[in-house]
Protein backbone atom coordinates (compact mmCIF):
# COMPACT_ATOMS: atom_id res chain seq x y z
CA MET A 1 -5.29 3.99 -10.05
CA ILE A 2 -2.24 1.60 -11.08
CA GLY A 3 -2.84 -1.67 -9.86
CA ALA A 4 -6.83 -2.10 -8.96
CA GLY A 5 -6.16 -4.68 -6.54
CA ALA A 6 -7.31 -3.98 -2.55
CA VAL A 7 -6.54 -0.51 -1.96
CA GLY A 8 -6.24 0.78 -5.73
CA GLY A 9 -10.07 -0.70 -6.19
CA GLY A 10 -11.02 0.61 -3.03
CA ILE A 11 -9.97 4.04 -3.86
CA GLY A 12 -11.03 4.36 -7.33
CA GLY A 13 -14.06 2.61 -7.23
CA THR A 14 -15.22 5.07 -3.85
CA LEU A 15 -14.18 7.81 -5.72
CA GLN A 16 -16.26 6.73 -8.80
CA GLN A 17 -19.03 6.35 -6.43
CA ALA A 18 -18.63 10.14 -5.43
CA GLY A 19 -18.23 11.26 -8.72
CA VAL A 20 -15.00 11.72 -9.36
CA ASP A 21 -13.64 10.10 -12.62
CA ALA A 22 -11.04 7.07 -11.94
CA VAL A 23 -9.84 4.67 -14.17
CA LEU A 24 -8.98 1.42 -12.74
CA VAL A 25 -5.88 -0.57 -14.16
CA ALA A 26 -5.62 -4.31 -13.54
CA ARG A 27 -4.86 -7.54 -15.08
CA GLY A 28 -6.16 -11.28 -15.99
CA GLU A 29 -9.57 -12.29 -14.26
CA HIS A 30 -10.02 -9.05 -12.01
CA LEU A 31 -9.81 -7.01 -15.50
CA ALA A 32 -12.45 -9.05 -16.86
CA ALA A 33 -14.53 -9.00 -14.16
CA LEU A 34 -14.20 -5.39 -13.64
CA ARG A 35 -15.23 -4.90 -17.43
CA ALA A 36 -18.01 -6.98 -17.22
CA ASP A 37 -19.81 -6.48 -14.36
CA GLY A 38 -18.13 -3.18 -12.31
CA LEU A 39 -16.69 -3.43 -9.10
CA GLU A 40 -18.49 -4.64 -5.90
CA ILE A 41 -17.63 -2.68 -3.02
CA VAL A 42 -18.30 -4.32 0.64
CA THR A 43 -18.43 -1.84 3.60
CA PRO A 44 -19.74 -2.19 6.78
CA GLU A 45 -22.92 -0.34 5.90
CA ALA A 46 -23.72 -1.82 2.25
CA THR A 47 -22.55 -3.98 -0.53
CA THR A 48 -22.67 -1.83 -3.75
CA ARG A 49 -21.73 -2.39 -7.18
CA VAL A 50 -20.23 0.77 -9.32
CA ALA A 51 -19.65 0.82 -13.05
CA VAL A 52 -15.82 1.44 -13.75
CA THR A 53 -13.45 2.15 -16.53
CA ALA A 54 -11.03 -0.83 -16.31
CA ILE A 55 -8.03 -1.08 -18.49
CA GLY A 56 -4.91 -3.34 -18.90
CA GLY A 57 -2.42 -0.58 -19.57
CA PRO A 58 -1.51 2.77 -21.03
CA ASP A 59 -2.15 2.05 -24.75
CA GLU A 60 -5.74 1.76 -23.48
CA VAL A 61 -6.33 5.40 -22.10
CA SER A 62 -5.68 8.88 -23.59
CA LEU A 63 -3.69 10.64 -20.72
CA GLU A 64 -4.68 14.18 -20.08
CA ALA A 65 -2.58 17.07 -18.60
CA ASP A 66 -4.60 17.48 -15.53
CA ASP A 67 -4.68 13.41 -14.72
CA VAL A 68 -3.07 12.14 -11.36
CA LEU A 69 -1.25 8.85 -11.60
CA VAL A 70 -1.57 6.83 -8.39
CA LEU A 71 0.42 3.52 -8.21
CA THR A 72 -1.03 0.96 -5.94
CA THR A 73 0.52 -2.04 -6.83
CA LYS A 74 2.90 -3.90 -4.16
CA THR A 75 6.24 -2.57 -4.18
CA GLN A 76 7.65 -5.87 -5.85
CA GLN A 77 5.56 -5.01 -8.69
CA ALA A 78 6.17 -1.49 -8.75
CA GLU A 79 9.28 -1.05 -11.25
CA ALA A 80 7.77 -2.79 -13.86
CA ALA A 81 4.32 -0.39 -13.68
CA LEU A 82 6.77 2.22 -13.63
CA VAL A 83 8.14 1.50 -16.71
CA GLN A 84 5.21 0.58 -18.44
CA TRP A 85 3.66 4.26 -17.72
CA ALA A 86 6.49 6.43 -17.61
CA ASP A 87 6.44 7.17 -21.53
CA ALA A 88 2.72 7.15 -21.92
CA PRO A 89 2.05 10.13 -24.14
CA VAL A 90 -0.05 12.88 -22.71
CA ALA A 91 -2.32 15.00 -24.69
CA GLY A 92 -0.60 18.36 -25.77
CA GLY A 93 2.85 16.76 -26.07
CA GLY A 94 5.26 14.84 -23.54
CA THR A 95 5.34 11.83 -21.40
CA ALA A 96 3.59 10.86 -18.35
CA SER A 97 7.06 11.00 -16.77
CA GLU A 98 7.66 14.60 -17.62
CA ARG A 99 4.23 16.13 -17.04
CA LEU A 100 1.84 14.10 -14.85
CA PRO A 101 2.26 13.87 -11.06
CA LEU A 102 2.76 10.48 -9.40
CA VAL A 103 1.53 9.21 -5.95
CA THR A 104 3.15 6.26 -4.41
CA ALA A 105 0.33 4.79 -2.55
CA LEU A 106 2.10 1.94 -1.43
CA ASN A 107 3.45 0.18 1.96
CA GLY A 108 7.21 0.43 2.74
CA VAL A 109 9.41 3.40 2.24
CA ALA A 110 11.36 2.25 -1.32
CA SER A 111 8.76 2.95 -3.93
CA GLU A 112 9.49 6.54 -3.76
CA ALA A 113 12.94 5.85 -4.88
CA LEU A 114 11.69 3.87 -7.65
CA ALA A 115 9.17 6.30 -8.69
CA LEU A 116 11.72 9.30 -8.95
CA ARG A 117 14.09 7.07 -11.37
CA TYR A 118 11.11 7.53 -13.83
CA PHE A 119 8.71 10.54 -13.00
CA ALA A 120 9.73 13.91 -11.95
CA ARG A 121 7.20 14.65 -9.73
CA VAL A 122 6.49 11.83 -6.91
CA TYR A 123 4.36 12.27 -4.33
CA GLY A 124 4.51 9.67 -1.34
CA ALA A 125 1.33 8.43 0.49
CA CYS A 126 1.09 6.85 3.88
CA VAL A 127 -1.92 4.42 3.48
CA TRP A 128 -4.03 3.66 6.11
CA MET A 129 -6.88 1.49 4.60
CA TRP A 130 -8.08 -2.00 5.94
CA ALA A 131 -9.15 -3.34 2.52
CA ASN A 132 -9.07 -6.97 1.00
CA PHE A 133 -8.93 -8.05 -2.44
CA THR A 134 -10.68 -11.52 -2.15
CA ARG A 135 -11.46 -12.28 -5.41
CA PRO A 136 -11.81 -10.84 -8.80
CA GLY A 137 -14.09 -7.89 -9.02
CA ARG A 138 -14.71 -7.61 -5.46
CA VAL A 139 -12.99 -5.42 -2.52
CA ILE A 140 -13.77 -5.04 0.87
CA LEU A 141 -13.43 -1.94 2.67
CA SER A 142 -13.52 -2.38 6.90
CA GLY A 143 -12.94 1.35 7.86
CA SER A 144 -15.98 3.45 8.71
CA PRO A 145 -17.15 6.26 8.34
CA THR A 146 -13.97 7.24 6.82
CA ARG A 147 -12.89 4.26 4.31
CA GLY A 148 -9.19 5.41 4.09
CA LEU A 149 -6.73 7.88 6.05
CA PHE A 150 -3.62 9.02 3.94
CA HIS A 151 -0.99 11.22 4.44
CA LEU A 152 0.40 12.61 1.05
CA GLY A 153 3.53 15.04 0.50
CA ARG A 154 6.05 15.72 -2.38
CA VAL A 155 9.34 13.62 -2.33
CA PRO A 156 11.51 15.16 -1.32
CA ALA A 157 9.96 17.69 0.79
CA ALA A 158 12.56 20.23 0.15
CA SER A 159 11.62 20.44 -3.54
CA THR A 160 7.78 21.49 -2.75
CA ASP A 161 6.60 24.48 -4.77
CA ASP A 162 3.42 26.45 -4.86
CA ALA A 163 2.01 23.91 -7.77
CA ASP A 164 2.50 21.13 -5.23
CA VAL A 165 0.58 22.48 -2.65
CA ALA A 166 -2.51 23.23 -5.31
CA LEU A 167 -2.16 19.78 -6.34
CA LEU A 168 -2.50 18.33 -2.94
CA ASP A 169 -5.00 20.50 -1.83
CA ARG A 170 -7.00 19.33 -4.83
CA ILE A 171 -6.18 15.70 -4.09
CA ARG A 172 -7.38 16.23 -0.77
CA SER A 173 -10.96 18.26 -1.90
CA ASP A 174 -11.30 15.47 -4.64
CA TRP A 175 -11.23 12.53 -2.33
CA ALA A 176 -12.99 13.99 0.83
CA PRO A 177 -16.55 13.04 -1.20
CA ALA A 178 -15.41 9.35 -1.07
CA ALA A 179 -14.67 9.29 2.74
CA LEU A 180 -10.94 9.45 1.82
CA ASP A 181 -9.32 11.50 4.64
CA VAL A 182 -5.99 13.27 3.14
CA ARG A 183 -3.71 15.06 5.10
CA VAL A 184 -0.91 16.92 4.15
CA PRO A 185 2.19 17.09 6.66
CA ASP A 186 5.25 19.11 5.72
CA ASP A 187 7.32 15.60 5.35
CA VAL A 188 5.48 12.55 4.32
CA MET A 189 8.50 10.29 4.76
CA PRO A 190 8.42 9.96 8.55
CA TRP A 191 4.82 8.81 8.37
CA LYS A 192 5.99 6.11 5.86
CA HIS A 193 8.65 5.06 8.11
CA ARG A 194 6.24 4.98 11.28
CA LYS A 195 3.98 2.95 9.26
CA LEU A 196 6.76 1.01 8.18
CA LEU A 197 7.34 -0.17 11.66
CA THR A 198 3.57 -1.55 11.95
CA ASN A 199 3.82 -3.46 8.91
CA LEU A 200 6.74 -5.35 10.11
CA GLY A 201 3.90 -7.56 11.83
CA ASN A 202 2.68 -8.44 8.42
CA ALA A 203 5.47 -11.37 8.19
CA HIS A 204 3.90 -13.18 11.28
CA GLN A 205 0.12 -13.17 10.02
CA ALA A 206 1.29 -14.64 6.52
CA LEU A 207 3.17 -17.33 8.40
CA VAL A 208 1.02 -18.42 11.02
CA GLY A 209 -2.52 -16.96 10.19
CA ASP A 210 -3.90 -16.28 13.62
CA VAL A 211 -1.55 -13.58 15.29
CA ARG A 212 -3.17 -14.46 19.20
CA GLY A 213 0.17 -14.99 21.18
CA THR A 214 2.55 -13.19 18.70
CA GLY A 215 2.43 -9.92 20.18
CA GLU A 216 5.93 -10.49 21.89
CA LEU A 217 7.61 -11.68 18.62
CA VAL A 218 5.96 -8.36 16.85
CA ARG A 219 7.20 -6.30 19.21
CA ALA A 220 10.61 -7.73 19.13
CA ALA A 221 10.69 -7.15 15.46
CA VAL A 222 9.42 -3.48 15.46
CA ALA A 223 11.90 -2.68 18.59
CA GLU A 224 14.79 -3.93 16.09
CA GLY A 225 13.53 -2.11 13.57
CA ARG A 226 13.20 0.97 15.62
CA ALA A 227 16.44 0.87 16.75
CA VAL A 228 17.89 0.46 13.06
CA LEU A 229 15.93 3.67 12.11
CA GLU A 230 16.96 5.54 15.20
CA HIS A 231 20.61 4.20 14.31
CA ALA A 232 20.49 5.49 10.99
CA GLY A 233 19.24 8.96 12.06
CA ILE A 234 15.97 8.41 9.99
CA ALA A 235 12.91 10.66 11.23
CA VAL A 236 9.94 8.62 12.25
CA THR A 237 6.67 9.93 13.17
CA PRO A 238 6.37 9.94 17.27
CA ASP A 239 3.56 7.17 18.24
CA GLU A 240 1.26 9.26 20.06
CA VAL A 241 1.01 12.07 16.95
CA GLU A 242 0.13 9.03 14.59
CA ALA A 243 -2.23 7.73 17.20
CA GLU A 244 -3.80 10.98 17.33
CA ALA A 245 -4.15 11.09 13.52
CA ARG A 246 -5.66 7.28 13.19
CA LYS A 247 -8.48 8.13 15.52
CA ALA A 248 -10.00 9.42 12.43
CA TYR A 249 -10.28 6.17 11.26
CA ALA A 250 -12.24 3.45 12.80
CA ILE A 251 -12.32 -0.37 11.58
CA VAL A 252 -15.13 -2.44 11.76
CA ASP A 253 -14.71 -6.15 12.56
CA LEU A 254 -16.26 -7.86 9.30
CA SER A 255 -15.46 -11.21 10.02
CA ASP A 256 -18.52 -12.66 11.05
CA ARG A 257 -19.71 -11.75 7.85
CA GLU A 258 -17.08 -12.04 5.69
CA GLY A 259 -14.67 -14.87 7.48
CA PHE A 260 -10.96 -13.84 8.37
CA LEU A 261 -9.54 -10.78 6.40
CA GLY A 262 -5.80 -10.58 6.85
CA GLY A 263 -3.54 -7.85 5.68
CA SER A 264 -1.73 -7.23 2.48
CA THR A 265 1.30 -9.84 2.99
CA TYR A 266 -1.38 -12.70 3.75
CA GLN A 267 -3.63 -11.90 0.89
CA SER A 268 -0.58 -11.89 -1.27
CA LEU A 269 0.19 -15.26 -0.18
CA VAL A 270 -3.33 -16.67 -0.16
CA ARG A 271 -3.84 -15.63 -3.13
CA GLY A 272 -0.91 -17.31 -4.88
CA THR A 273 0.71 -14.37 -6.55
CA GLY A 274 4.08 -15.73 -6.30
CA ASP A 275 5.56 -12.71 -4.64
CA VAL A 276 4.93 -10.94 -1.48
CA GLU A 277 6.22 -7.40 -0.32
CA THR A 278 8.06 -8.68 2.45
CA ASP A 279 11.47 -7.75 1.43
CA TYR A 280 10.45 -4.13 1.36
CA LEU A 281 8.76 -4.44 4.77
CA ASN A 282 11.26 -6.51 7.26
CA GLY A 283 13.84 -6.57 4.28
CA GLU A 284 14.02 -2.60 4.26
CA ILE A 285 15.00 -2.75 8.12
CA VAL A 286 17.74 -5.46 7.17
CA LEU A 287 18.88 -3.35 4.16
CA VAL A 288 19.49 -0.39 6.38
CA ALA A 289 20.87 -2.29 9.09
CA ARG A 290 23.48 -3.38 6.67
CA GLN A 291 24.26 -0.41 5.01
CA LEU A 292 25.27 0.66 8.81
CA GLY A 293 27.22 -2.06 8.92
CA ILE A 294 25.12 -3.85 11.55
CA GLU A 295 22.63 -6.68 11.51
CA ALA A 296 18.85 -7.20 11.81
CA PRO A 297 18.63 -10.78 12.67
CA ILE A 298 14.90 -10.94 13.65
CA ASN A 299 13.81 -9.11 10.72
CA ALA A 300 15.86 -11.19 8.55
CA ARG A 301 14.76 -14.32 9.54
CA LEU A 302 10.97 -13.20 9.09
CA ALA A 303 11.73 -11.92 5.63
CA SER A 304 13.49 -15.45 4.51
CA LEU A 305 10.71 -17.39 6.32
CA VAL A 306 8.03 -15.80 4.29
CA ARG A 307 10.55 -16.24 1.16
CA GLN A 308 10.63 -19.94 1.84
CA ALA A 309 6.39 -20.08 2.23
CA VAL A 310 6.23 -18.23 -1.06
CA ARG A 311 8.56 -20.65 -2.94
CA ARG A 312 6.71 -23.60 -1.31
CA GLY A 313 3.61 -22.15 -2.98
CA ASP A 314 1.72 -22.17 0.29
CA SER A 315 -1.69 -20.77 -0.24
CA ALA A 316 -2.23 -20.46 3.59
CA PRO A 317 -0.46 -20.01 6.49
CA ARG A 318 1.02 -23.44 7.95
CA MET A 319 3.32 -22.39 10.85
CA SER A 320 2.71 -23.05 14.53
CA LEU A 321 3.34 -20.34 16.79
CA GLU A 322 5.55 -22.77 18.90
CA GLU A 323 7.44 -23.25 15.46
CA LEU A 324 7.70 -19.25 14.66
CA ARG A 325 9.18 -18.81 17.96
CA ARG A 326 11.76 -21.48 17.74
CA ARG A 327 12.87 -20.34 14.28
CA LEU A 328 13.33 -16.80 15.24
CA ASP A 329 15.37 -17.54 18.29
CA SER A 330 17.60 -20.02 16.47
């Protein structure tokens, strides 16, 4: 798990609990905590601690030919991680980029193209996993009984062969004991584009915190995003198909026990990471629109407002709903 924060730690930790060998790649205080005390995993049912193998980079592990690399950084951190791991040696000869599959388990739809610059075999993952990384050495997983729902597929889908089918089936069977539900659609990118539309609301939460009352604003951003993708001819999984799939993944509200648990963009802001993924969510819609010679003003303003919050060093949402509405209407 390259980037063992909320999602990477959640996947890797639950796999390790289920008896599947997983290596967690982390840094800083989080890496130190994992090495010293293992990973604490909080779920609706229990709080447990699991011993994990934690490393800081590829020079600390011997890669084998049957290893699978799972990229779980944020998209803005992905290229640095890809460069770091691409040329790592694999037992028997060759490099990771030549011999090992790479799963891109990130929000947005940009990481697959980034990964293909470095890795020959890339598999996109649409991730539904309500996971929180609130302090070093600890993750909170709110899904129950399923911990996460994933749609996986080769990118591009047209290049899928028998080896890909076998690999995806192996991942599905390996992850199942950890209550990680893996689905294998014919093409994963429509699923990722549908998730992208959902993630357009992440900016609102990062800016105002409590999202009550933001429904109209979120719907406007999503409608703009949907119109841009449709104009571009980009396939998006229908809402009703996605809704049916998500019935397999229920989220339990842990706020009474754990306090407010925000989404991925909110978590990056309050942890003071210095960067957030908004430019690959709302900014992705802006990019596609401008490539078509049109604009996406709502999503452009949202991306700008979040960038400004990061530059100010905001460690908590500080904008009122009224101010957000005014700024988006300007």
